Amino acid sequence: MRPLRALILGLALVAGPLGAQTLDVPGAPARVVSMNLCTDQFALMLAAPGQLISVSHISANPVSSPMADVAARFPLNYGSAEEIYLLAPDLVLADPWTDPAALAMLRRLDIPVVQVQGVRHLSDIPDRLAQFGALLGRDAAAQTLIRQFETDLAALTAPDGGGTGPRAVIYYPNGYSMGDGTLAHEVLTRAGFRNIATEITPSATGQIALELLVMAAPDLIIRDRPFPGASRAEEILHHPALQALVAAGAGHESGPDWACGTPRVVAALRALVETRQRIEAAP
């Protein structure tokens, strides 16, 4: 049984007095719960002290979450309507893929629920920050983050836009890759790489056979950080042919900064730019 009692009692450690909040809009929600990794990240960045009272348990996992250390200080929820109702929120944040049964029950119980679309392009990030700022009554804080993000992004854009740079590919469990039309592709090309997935597969997302990947011999293979334990989906990432490419200097881990399309993606972009510079400087 999940520790609901401990979760509810833990609110006192996180919420603090409502008077400590700094909200830009009178009547902004005072008790906010987030049910999804990506809504968690935006809420953690923007919520006033004491305003956010629970985030999803996934956000405390450093493999998946770029703000795991911050999320671990909050009571965690597992996405059930029962536990969230007991937290007495006046706003619940979710995404379009959150359990529809749980959201329907919360709405029947008169709990306000807002489902926020994910980020598909770098240009979506300022809009999403502004949207969360409006939802939380934190417009000024959102504008500050928007200005910083746009400044950081402008400083990291590769001059050629990825047209003539080193050849790279994103290669995740089950041979899953991402091409044109995805945020990952945009980050990759913005850093100055050519994404060879657009040459191998016609779709924006899909699988690339290991044989095709080895024959393509990319300069960089971007892999996801492995989860603890073992899975058949991840076995392909340990294949000797792929390991030989990685050992030759073609390996790079994407990491949690790639997740969700928050301003933290700037750190992922910066790491890719540095990697590209090393590749281009090599003899």
C-alpha atoms as a PDB file:
ATOM      1  CA  MET A   1       0.000   0.000   0.000  1.00  0.00           C
ATOM      2  CA  ARG A   2       1.368   3.422  -0.890  1.00  0.00           C
ATOM      3  CA  PRO A   3       2.287   5.639   2.042  1.00  0.00           C
ATOM      4  CA  LEU A   4      -0.575   8.125   1.713  1.00  0.00           C
ATOM      5  CA  ARG A   5      -0.461   9.045   5.383  1.00  0.00           C
ATOM      6  CA  ALA A   6       3.218   9.904   5.153  1.00  0.00           C
ATOM      7  CA  LEU A   7       2.619  11.833   1.941  1.00  0.00           C
ATOM      8  CA  ILE A   8      -0.143  13.943   3.480  1.00  0.00           C
ATOM      9  CA  LEU A   9       1.785  14.586   6.681  1.00  0.00           C
ATOM     10  CA  GLY A  10       4.781  15.562   4.603  1.00  0.00           C
ATOM     11  CA  LEU A  11       2.897  18.484   3.132  1.00  0.00           C
ATOM     12  CA  ALA A  12       3.610  20.530   6.225  1.00  0.00           C
ATOM     13  CA  LEU A  13       7.318  20.231   5.494  1.00  0.00           C
ATOM     14  CA  VAL A  14       6.937  21.513   1.954  1.00  0.00           C
ATOM     15  CA  ALA A  15       3.988  23.837   1.822  1.00  0.00           C
ATOM     16  CA  GLY A  16       4.847  26.288   4.547  1.00  0.00           C
ATOM     17  CA  PRO A  17       2.662  29.304   5.229  1.00  0.00           C
ATOM     18  CA  LEU A  18       0.666  30.580   2.278  1.00  0.00           C
ATOM     19  CA  GLY A  19       1.767  34.075   3.152  1.00  0.00           C
ATOM     20  CA  ALA A  20       5.271  33.150   1.971  1.00  0.00           C
ATOM     21  CA  GLN A  21       4.072  32.888  -1.628  1.00  0.00           C
ATOM     22  CA  THR A  22       4.811  35.536  -4.225  1.00  0.00           C
ATOM     23  CA  LEU A  23       2.007  35.304  -6.767  1.00  0.00           C
ATOM     24  CA  ASP A  24       1.616  37.803  -9.587  1.00  0.00           C
ATOM     25  CA  VAL A  25      -2.132  37.300  -9.966  1.00  0.00           C
ATOM     26  CA  PRO A  26      -4.688  37.519  -7.127  1.00  0.00           C
ATOM     27  CA  GLY A  27      -6.651  34.296  -6.825  1.00  0.00           C
ATOM     28  CA  ALA A  28      -3.871  32.111  -8.256  1.00  0.00           C
ATOM     29  CA  PRO A  29      -3.980  28.478  -7.088  1.00  0.00           C
ATOM     30  CA  ALA A  30      -2.428  27.989  -3.660  1.00  0.00           C
ATOM     31  CA  ARG A  31      -2.241  24.158  -3.683  1.00  0.00           C
ATOM     32  CA  VAL A  32      -0.953  22.690  -6.939  1.00  0.00           C
ATOM     33  CA  VAL A  33      -0.342  19.014  -7.714  1.00  0.00           C
ATOM     34  CA  SER A  34       1.499  17.809 -10.815  1.00  0.00           C
ATOM     35  CA  MET A  35       0.907  14.265 -12.097  1.00  0.00           C
ATOM     36  CA  ASN A  36       3.392  14.056 -14.972  1.00  0.00           C
ATOM     37  CA  LEU A  37       7.168  14.243 -15.375  1.00  0.00           C
ATOM     38  CA  CYS A  38       7.031  17.144 -17.810  1.00  0.00           C
ATOM     39  CA  THR A  39       4.447  19.231 -15.986  1.00  0.00           C
ATOM     40  CA  ASP A  40       6.503  18.563 -12.854  1.00  0.00           C
ATOM     41  CA  GLN A  41       9.556  20.217 -14.390  1.00  0.00           C
ATOM     42  CA  PHE A  42       7.789  23.424 -15.386  1.00  0.00           C
ATOM     43  CA  ALA A  43       5.983  23.602 -12.053  1.00  0.00           C
ATOM     44  CA  LEU A  44       9.222  23.075 -10.122  1.00  0.00           C
ATOM     45  CA  MET A  45      10.830  25.911 -12.061  1.00  0.00           C
ATOM     46  CA  LEU A  46       7.996  28.390 -11.642  1.00  0.00           C
ATOM     47  CA  ALA A  47       5.913  27.663  -8.528  1.00  0.00           C
ATOM     48  CA  ALA A  48       6.133  30.036  -5.581  1.00  0.00           C
ATOM     49  CA  PRO A  49       7.381  28.666  -2.244  1.00  0.00           C
ATOM     50  CA  GLY A  50       4.612  26.535  -0.757  1.00  0.00           C
ATOM     51  CA  GLN A  51       2.463  26.591  -3.886  1.00  0.00           C
ATOM     52  CA  LEU A  52       3.456  23.201  -5.319  1.00  0.00           C
ATOM     53  CA  ILE A  53       2.497  20.463  -2.858  1.00  0.00           C
ATOM     54  CA  SER A  54       3.208  17.230  -4.782  1.00  0.00           C
ATOM     55  CA  VAL A  55       4.927  16.001  -7.953  1.00  0.00           C
ATOM     56  CA  SER A  56       4.964  12.632  -9.680  1.00  0.00           C
ATOM     57  CA  HIS A  57       7.283   9.946  -8.343  1.00  0.00           C
ATOM     58  CA  ILE A  58       9.054   9.766 -11.734  1.00  0.00           C
ATOM     59  CA  SER A  59      10.505  13.218 -11.140  1.00  0.00           C
ATOM     60  CA  ALA A  60      12.556  11.931  -8.225  1.00  0.00           C
ATOM     61  CA  ASN A  61      14.380   9.465 -10.516  1.00  0.00           C
ATOM     62  CA  PRO A  62      17.669  11.034 -11.706  1.00  0.00           C
ATOM     63  CA  VAL A  63      17.709   8.807 -14.796  1.00  0.00           C
ATOM     64  CA  SER A  64      14.506  10.416 -16.089  1.00  0.00           C
ATOM     65  CA  SER A  65      14.317  13.792 -14.388  1.00  0.00           C
ATOM     66  CA  PRO A  66      16.627  16.785 -14.830  1.00  0.00           C
ATOM     67  CA  MET A  67      15.392  18.165 -11.490  1.00  0.00           C
ATOM     68  CA  ALA A  68      15.411  14.970  -9.442  1.00  0.00           C
ATOM     69  CA  ASP A  69      17.248  16.569  -6.527  1.00  0.00           C
ATOM     70  CA  VAL A  70      14.599  19.297  -6.232  1.00  0.00           C
ATOM     71  CA  ALA A  71      11.661  16.929  -6.789  1.00  0.00           C
ATOM     72  CA  ALA A  72      12.875  14.609  -4.021  1.00  0.00           C
ATOM     73  CA  ARG A  73      12.114  17.337  -1.460  1.00  0.00           C
ATOM     74  CA  PHE A  74       8.399  17.174  -2.292  1.00  0.00           C
ATOM     75  CA  PRO A  75       5.771  14.592  -1.414  1.00  0.00           C
ATOM     76  CA  LEU A  76       5.514  12.267  -4.415  1.00  0.00           C
ATOM     77  CA  ASN A  77       2.312  11.001  -5.997  1.00  0.00           C
ATOM     78  CA  TYR A  78       1.656   7.928  -8.120  1.00  0.00           C
ATOM     79  CA  GLY A  79      -1.106   9.388 -10.251  1.00  0.00           C
ATOM     80  CA  SER A  80      -4.164   7.905  -8.572  1.00  0.00           C
ATOM     81  CA  ALA A  81      -7.279  10.041  -8.202  1.00  0.00           C
ATOM     82  CA  GLU A  82      -7.736   8.910  -4.588  1.00  0.00           C
ATOM     83  CA  GLU A  83      -4.363  10.099  -3.311  1.00  0.00           C
ATOM     84  CA  ILE A  84      -4.522  13.365  -5.236  1.00  0.00           C
ATOM     85  CA  TYR A  85      -8.037  14.127  -3.970  1.00  0.00           C
ATOM     86  CA  LEU A  86      -6.807  13.689  -0.385  1.00  0.00           C
ATOM     87  CA  LEU A  87      -4.221  16.398  -1.005  1.00  0.00           C
ATOM     88  CA  ALA A  88      -7.078  18.894  -1.541  1.00  0.00           C
ATOM     89  CA  PRO A  89      -5.492  20.677  -4.524  1.00  0.00           C
ATOM     90  CA  ASP A  90      -7.083  23.659  -6.209  1.00  0.00           C
ATOM     91  CA  LEU A  91      -5.201  22.876  -9.449  1.00  0.00           C
ATOM     92  CA  VAL A  92      -3.937  19.599 -10.936  1.00  0.00           C
ATOM     93  CA  LEU A  93      -1.450  19.662 -13.812  1.00  0.00           C
ATOM     94  CA  ALA A  94      -1.360  16.777 -16.273  1.00  0.00           C
ATOM     95  CA  ASP A  95      -0.477  16.053 -19.885  1.00  0.00           C
ATOM     96  CA  PRO A  96      -2.608  14.642 -22.728  1.00  0.00           C
ATOM     97  CA  TRP A  97      -1.474  11.063 -21.944  1.00  0.00           C
ATOM     98  CA  THR A  98      -2.207  11.078 -18.208  1.00  0.00           C
ATOM     99  CA  ASP A  99      -4.597   8.308 -17.093  1.00  0.00           C
ATOM    100  CA  PRO A 100      -7.974   9.509 -18.400  1.00  0.00           C
ATOM    101  CA  ALA A 101      -9.892   7.566 -15.730  1.00  0.00           C
ATOM    102  CA  ALA A 102      -8.011   9.338 -12.933  1.00  0.00           C
ATOM    103  CA  LEU A 103      -8.550  12.738 -14.529  1.00  0.00           C
ATOM    104  CA  ALA A 104     -12.243  12.071 -15.131  1.00  0.00           C
ATOM    105  CA  MET A 105     -12.711  11.124 -11.469  1.00  0.00           C
ATOM    106  CA  LEU A 106     -10.918  14.258 -10.275  1.00  0.00           C
ATOM    107  CA  ARG A 107     -13.108  16.410 -12.472  1.00  0.00           C
ATOM    108  CA  ARG A 108     -16.236  14.681 -11.159  1.00  0.00           C
ATOM    109  CA  LEU A 109     -14.986  15.595  -7.688  1.00  0.00           C
ATOM    110  CA  ASP A 110     -14.744  19.256  -8.781  1.00  0.00           C
ATOM    111  CA  ILE A 111     -10.941  19.336  -8.755  1.00  0.00           C
ATOM    112  CA  PRO A 112      -9.706  21.690 -11.512  1.00  0.00           C
ATOM    113  CA  VAL A 113      -7.492  19.797 -13.974  1.00  0.00           C
ATOM    114  CA  VAL A 114      -5.443  21.336 -16.800  1.00  0.00           C
ATOM    115  CA  GLN A 115      -3.779  19.121 -19.415  1.00  0.00           C
ATOM    116  CA  VAL A 116      -0.791  20.847 -20.993  1.00  0.00           C
ATOM    117  CA  GLN A 117       0.576  19.897 -24.401  1.00  0.00           C
ATOM    118  CA  GLY A 118       4.174  18.730 -24.648  1.00  0.00           C
ATOM    119  CA  VAL A 119       7.011  20.628 -26.305  1.00  0.00           C
ATOM    120  CA  ARG A 120       7.845  19.579 -29.863  1.00  0.00           C
ATOM    121  CA  HIS A 121      10.102  22.450 -30.934  1.00  0.00           C
ATOM    122  CA  LEU A 122      12.555  24.772 -29.235  1.00  0.00           C
ATOM    123  CA  SER A 123      10.267  27.648 -30.206  1.00  0.00           C
ATOM    124  CA  ASP A 124       7.529  26.071 -28.057  1.00  0.00           C
ATOM    125  CA  ILE A 125       9.515  26.494 -24.825  1.00  0.00           C
ATOM    126  CA  PRO A 126       8.853  30.237 -24.275  1.00  0.00           C
ATOM    127  CA  ASP A 127       5.158  29.655 -24.977  1.00  0.00           C
ATOM    128  CA  ARG A 128       5.031  26.789 -22.502  1.00  0.00           C
ATOM    129  CA  LEU A 129       6.802  28.825 -19.834  1.00  0.00           C
ATOM    130  CA  ALA A 130       4.293  31.630 -20.352  1.00  0.00           C
ATOM    131  CA  GLN A 131       1.416  29.149 -20.135  1.00  0.00           C
ATOM    132  CA  PHE A 132       2.625  27.709 -16.834  1.00  0.00           C
ATOM    133  CA  GLY A 133       3.323  31.200 -15.553  1.00  0.00           C
ATOM    134  CA  ALA A 134      -0.298  32.132 -16.258  1.00  0.00           C
ATOM    135  CA  LEU A 135      -1.644  28.941 -14.661  1.00  0.00           C
ATOM    136  CA  LEU A 136       0.384  29.455 -11.495  1.00  0.00           C
ATOM    137  CA  GLY A 137       0.044  33.218 -11.254  1.00  0.00           C
ATOM    138  CA  ARG A 138       3.780  33.553 -11.813  1.00  0.00           C
ATOM    139  CA  ASP A 139       3.940  35.614 -14.999  1.00  0.00           C
ATOM    140  CA  ALA A 140       6.945  37.685 -13.940  1.00  0.00           C
ATOM    141  CA  ALA A 141       8.975  34.597 -13.026  1.00  0.00           C
ATOM    142  CA  ALA A 142       8.045  33.027 -16.362  1.00  0.00           C
ATOM    143  CA  GLN A 143       9.179  36.085 -18.299  1.00  0.00           C
ATOM    144  CA  THR A 144      12.525  36.014 -16.501  1.00  0.00           C
ATOM    145  CA  LEU A 145      13.060  32.384 -17.505  1.00  0.00           C
ATOM    146  CA  ILE A 146      11.971  33.112 -21.081  1.00  0.00           C
ATOM    147  CA  ARG A 147      14.511  35.923 -21.456  1.00  0.00           C
ATOM    148  CA  GLN A 148      17.300  33.761 -20.023  1.00  0.00           C
ATOM    149  CA  PHE A 149      16.390  30.804 -22.245  1.00  0.00           C
ATOM    150  CA  GLU A 150      16.302  32.906 -25.418  1.00  0.00           C
ATOM    151  CA  THR A 151      19.663  34.494 -24.554  1.00  0.00           C
ATOM    152  CA  ASP A 152      21.286  31.114 -23.849  1.00  0.00           C
ATOM    153  CA  LEU A 153      19.826  29.548 -26.981  1.00  0.00           C
ATOM    154  CA  ALA A 154      21.025  32.357 -29.244  1.00  0.00           C
ATOM    155  CA  ALA A 155      24.564  31.950 -27.908  1.00  0.00           C
ATOM    156  CA  LEU A 156      24.658  28.227 -28.733  1.00  0.00           C
ATOM    157  CA  THR A 157      23.248  28.066 -32.254  1.00  0.00           C
ATOM    158  CA  ALA A 158      25.715  26.597 -34.758  1.00  0.00           C
ATOM    159  CA  PRO A 159      26.490  28.925 -37.690  1.00  0.00           C
ATOM    160  CA  ASP A 160      25.629  26.342 -40.363  1.00  0.00           C
ATOM    161  CA  GLY A 161      22.476  25.067 -38.656  1.00  0.00           C
ATOM    162  CA  GLY A 162      23.633  21.470 -38.932  1.00  0.00           C
ATOM    163  CA  GLY A 163      23.975  21.450 -42.716  1.00  0.00           C
ATOM    164  CA  THR A 164      27.610  20.430 -43.099  1.00  0.00           C
ATOM    165  CA  GLY A 165      28.714  19.326 -39.638  1.00  0.00           C
ATOM    166  CA  PRO A 166      29.635  15.862 -38.350  1.00  0.00           C
ATOM    167  CA  ARG A 167      27.176  13.023 -38.945  1.00  0.00           C
ATOM    168  CA  ALA A 168      25.220  11.906 -35.893  1.00  0.00           C
ATOM    169  CA  VAL A 169      22.292   9.700 -34.925  1.00  0.00           C
ATOM    170  CA  ILE A 170      20.073   9.208 -31.900  1.00  0.00           C
ATOM    171  CA  TYR A 171      19.873   5.502 -31.019  1.00  0.00           C
ATOM    172  CA  TYR A 172      17.684   4.393 -28.146  1.00  0.00           C
ATOM    173  CA  PRO A 173      16.407   0.990 -26.900  1.00  0.00           C
ATOM    174  CA  ASN A 174      14.894  -1.229 -29.610  1.00  0.00           C
ATOM    175  CA  GLY A 175      16.828   0.772 -32.187  1.00  0.00           C
ATOM    176  CA  TYR A 176      14.437   3.685 -31.810  1.00  0.00           C
ATOM    177  CA  SER A 177      15.591   6.937 -33.394  1.00  0.00           C
ATOM    178  CA  MET A 178      14.238  10.418 -34.031  1.00  0.00           C
ATOM    179  CA  GLY A 179      14.309  12.403 -37.231  1.00  0.00           C
ATOM    180  CA  ASP A 180      12.953  15.608 -38.698  1.00  0.00           C
ATOM    181  CA  GLY A 181       9.970  17.080 -36.863  1.00  0.00           C
ATOM    182  CA  THR A 182      11.122  16.071 -33.377  1.00  0.00           C
ATOM    183  CA  LEU A 183      12.642  18.168 -30.611  1.00  0.00           C
ATOM    184  CA  ALA A 184      15.661  15.855 -30.408  1.00  0.00           C
ATOM    185  CA  HIS A 185      16.375  16.355 -34.125  1.00  0.00           C
ATOM    186  CA  GLU A 186      16.171  20.110 -33.701  1.00  0.00           C
ATOM    187  CA  VAL A 187      18.590  20.036 -30.760  1.00  0.00           C
ATOM    188  CA  LEU A 188      20.992  17.864 -32.734  1.00  0.00           C
ATOM    189  CA  THR A 189      21.002  20.048 -35.832  1.00  0.00           C
ATOM    190  CA  ARG A 190      21.055  23.260 -33.816  1.00  0.00           C
ATOM    191  CA  ALA A 191      24.315  22.014 -32.311  1.00  0.00           C
ATOM    192  CA  GLY A 192      25.768  21.720 -35.806  1.00  0.00           C
ATOM    193  CA  PHE A 193      25.342  18.003 -36.531  1.00  0.00           C
ATOM    194  CA  ARG A 194      23.702  16.281 -39.492  1.00  0.00           C
ATOM    195  CA  ASN A 195      21.108  13.775 -38.314  1.00  0.00           C
ATOM    196  CA  ILE A 196      21.574  10.686 -40.491  1.00  0.00           C
ATOM    197  CA  ALA A 197      18.242   9.277 -39.323  1.00  0.00           C
ATOM    198  CA  THR A 198      16.689  11.545 -41.958  1.00  0.00           C
ATOM    199  CA  GLU A 199      18.693   9.647 -44.586  1.00  0.00           C
ATOM    200  CA  ILE A 200      18.003   6.137 -43.278  1.00  0.00           C
ATOM    201  CA  THR A 201      14.319   6.293 -42.330  1.00  0.00           C
ATOM    202  CA  PRO A 202      11.611   8.466 -43.897  1.00  0.00           C
ATOM    203  CA  SER A 203       9.560   8.861 -40.709  1.00  0.00           C
ATOM    204  CA  ALA A 204      10.118  11.334 -37.870  1.00  0.00           C
ATOM    205  CA  THR A 205      10.337   8.476 -35.382  1.00  0.00           C
ATOM    206  CA  GLY A 206      11.048   4.825 -35.962  1.00  0.00           C
ATOM    207  CA  GLN A 207      13.542   2.004 -35.697  1.00  0.00           C
ATOM    208  CA  ILE A 208      16.886   1.781 -37.440  1.00  0.00           C
ATOM    209  CA  ALA A 209      18.339  -1.670 -37.997  1.00  0.00           C
ATOM    210  CA  LEU A 210      21.708  -2.097 -36.337  1.00  0.00           C
ATOM    211  CA  GLU A 211      23.223  -3.239 -39.639  1.00  0.00           C
ATOM    212  CA  LEU A 212      22.203   0.016 -41.322  1.00  0.00           C
ATOM    213  CA  LEU A 213      23.592   2.038 -38.439  1.00  0.00           C
ATOM    214  CA  VAL A 214      26.960   0.279 -38.547  1.00  0.00           C
ATOM    215  CA  MET A 215      27.189   0.694 -42.320  1.00  0.00           C
ATOM    216  CA  ALA A 216      26.392   4.407 -41.983  1.00  0.00           C
ATOM    217  CA  ALA A 217      29.343   4.792 -39.557  1.00  0.00           C
ATOM    218  CA  PRO A 218      28.196   8.050 -37.901  1.00  0.00           C
ATOM    219  CA  ASP A 219      30.658  10.329 -36.165  1.00  0.00           C
ATOM    220  CA  LEU A 220      28.427  10.394 -33.077  1.00  0.00           C
ATOM    221  CA  ILE A 221      25.870   7.978 -31.612  1.00  0.00           C
ATOM    222  CA  ILE A 222      23.642   9.492 -28.948  1.00  0.00           C
ATOM    223  CA  ARG A 223      22.305   6.856 -26.570  1.00  0.00           C
ATOM    224  CA  ASP A 224      19.965   7.135 -23.607  1.00  0.00           C
ATOM    225  CA  ARG A 225      21.266   6.606 -20.105  1.00  0.00           C
ATOM    226  CA  PRO A 226      20.452   2.975 -19.188  1.00  0.00           C
ATOM    227  CA  PHE A 227      17.943   2.222 -16.454  1.00  0.00           C
ATOM    228  CA  PRO A 228      18.929  -0.016 -13.544  1.00  0.00           C
ATOM    229  CA  GLY A 229      18.364  -3.715 -14.189  1.00  0.00           C
ATOM    230  CA  ALA A 230      18.086  -5.251 -17.642  1.00  0.00           C
ATOM    231  CA  SER A 231      15.620  -5.301 -20.495  1.00  0.00           C
ATOM    232  CA  ARG A 232      15.501  -6.909 -23.934  1.00  0.00           C
ATOM    233  CA  ALA A 233      14.841  -3.476 -25.428  1.00  0.00           C
ATOM    234  CA  GLU A 234      18.252  -2.275 -24.228  1.00  0.00           C
ATOM    235  CA  GLU A 235      20.158  -5.361 -25.401  1.00  0.00           C
ATOM    236  CA  ILE A 236      20.784  -3.843 -28.826  1.00  0.00           C
ATOM    237  CA  LEU A 237      22.745  -1.037 -27.172  1.00  0.00           C
ATOM    238  CA  HIS A 238      25.258  -3.592 -25.874  1.00  0.00           C
ATOM    239  CA  HIS A 239      25.870  -5.272 -29.234  1.00  0.00           C
ATOM    240  CA  PRO A 240      29.608  -5.634 -29.982  1.00  0.00           C
ATOM    241  CA  ALA A 241      29.258  -3.840 -33.330  1.00  0.00           C
ATOM    242  CA  LEU A 242      27.721  -0.818 -31.652  1.00  0.00           C
ATOM    243  CA  GLN A 243      30.191  -0.960 -28.788  1.00  0.00           C
ATOM    244  CA  ALA A 244      33.051  -0.862 -31.289  1.00  0.00           C
ATOM    245  CA  LEU A 245      31.748   2.410 -32.709  1.00  0.00           C
ATOM    246  CA  VAL A 246      31.325   3.835 -29.217  1.00  0.00           C
ATOM    247  CA  ALA A 247      34.821   2.721 -28.192  1.00  0.00           C
ATOM    248  CA  ALA A 248      36.203   4.535 -31.226  1.00  0.00           C
ATOM    249  CA  GLY A 249      34.918   7.789 -29.771  1.00  0.00           C
ATOM    250  CA  ALA A 250      31.440   7.970 -31.243  1.00  0.00           C
ATOM    251  CA  GLY A 251      29.497   7.618 -27.977  1.00  0.00           C
ATOM    252  CA  HIS A 252      27.425  10.275 -26.221  1.00  0.00           C
ATOM    253  CA  GLU A 253      24.667   9.996 -23.580  1.00  0.00           C
ATOM    254  CA  SER A 254      21.557  12.105 -23.944  1.00  0.00           C
ATOM    255  CA  GLY A 255      20.690  12.281 -20.225  1.00  0.00           C
ATOM    256  CA  PRO A 256      17.656  13.798 -18.498  1.00  0.00           C
ATOM    257  CA  ASP A 257      18.317  17.341 -19.752  1.00  0.00           C
ATOM    258  CA  TRP A 258      16.820  16.173 -23.059  1.00  0.00           C
ATOM    259  CA  ALA A 259      13.523  15.333 -21.355  1.00  0.00           C
ATOM    260  CA  CYS A 260      10.342  17.375 -21.718  1.00  0.00           C
ATOM    261  CA  GLY A 261      11.618  20.385 -23.613  1.00  0.00           C
ATOM    262  CA  THR A 262      12.256  22.667 -20.665  1.00  0.00           C
ATOM    263  CA  PRO A 263      14.951  25.367 -20.541  1.00  0.00           C
ATOM    264  CA  ARG A 264      17.251  22.618 -19.226  1.00  0.00           C
ATOM    265  CA  VAL A 265      17.603  21.495 -22.850  1.00  0.00           C
ATOM    266  CA  VAL A 266      20.154  24.314 -23.151  1.00  0.00           C
ATOM    267  CA  ALA A 267      22.556  22.170 -21.093  1.00  0.00           C
ATOM    268  CA  ALA A 268      22.061  19.283 -23.536  1.00  0.00           C
ATOM    269  CA  LEU A 269      22.652  21.622 -26.466  1.00  0.00           C
ATOM    270  CA  ARG A 270      25.782  23.056 -24.865  1.00  0.00           C
ATOM    271  CA  ALA A 271      27.217  19.561 -24.323  1.00  0.00           C
ATOM    272  CA  LEU A 272      26.545  18.695 -27.972  1.00  0.00           C
ATOM    273  CA  VAL A 273      28.222  21.874 -29.206  1.00  0.00           C
ATOM    274  CA  GLU A 274      31.299  21.021 -27.140  1.00  0.00           C
ATOM    275  CA  THR A 275      31.269  17.474 -28.528  1.00  0.00           C
ATOM    276  CA  ARG A 276      31.020  18.772 -32.101  1.00  0.00           C
ATOM    277  CA  GLN A 277      33.948  21.105 -31.506  1.00  0.00           C
ATOM    278  CA  ARG A 278      36.051  18.193 -30.224  1.00  0.00           C
ATOM    279  CA  ILE A 279      35.156  16.070 -33.238  1.00  0.00           C
ATOM    280  CA  GLU A 280      35.990  18.858 -35.688  1.00  0.00           C
ATOM    281  CA  ALA A 281      39.286  19.608 -33.914  1.00  0.00           C
ATOM    282  CA  ALA A 282      40.423  15.969 -34.007  1.00  0.00           C
ATOM    283  CA  PRO A 283      43.149  15.139 -36.573  1.00  0.00           C
END
